[in-house]
Amino acid sequence: MLTINVAVLLAVIVVMRLRRRTQARSRAEERNTALLVLVLGILIAPTPVGQSVFDGIGRLVRGVSGIGL
């Protein structure tokens, strides 16, 4: 049985949409792409990969800002 992870499917769709030329996109397409990226972020955030990315960005921001939280 083949199972498809929704986050992986959305990531493929986002990559395919972003490969198109910028001049060829309408405003509605831009909004739809932004919505897809938002949903992808929501799906990835609670996973271990999402948490490690969040922690890494947090460390980077603390290091750049000089705040030792």
Foldseek 3Di string as FASTA:
>chain_A
DDDDDPLVVLVVVLVVLVVDDPVPDDPVSVVVSVVSVVVSLVVCCVDPVNVVVVVVVVVVVCVVVVPDD
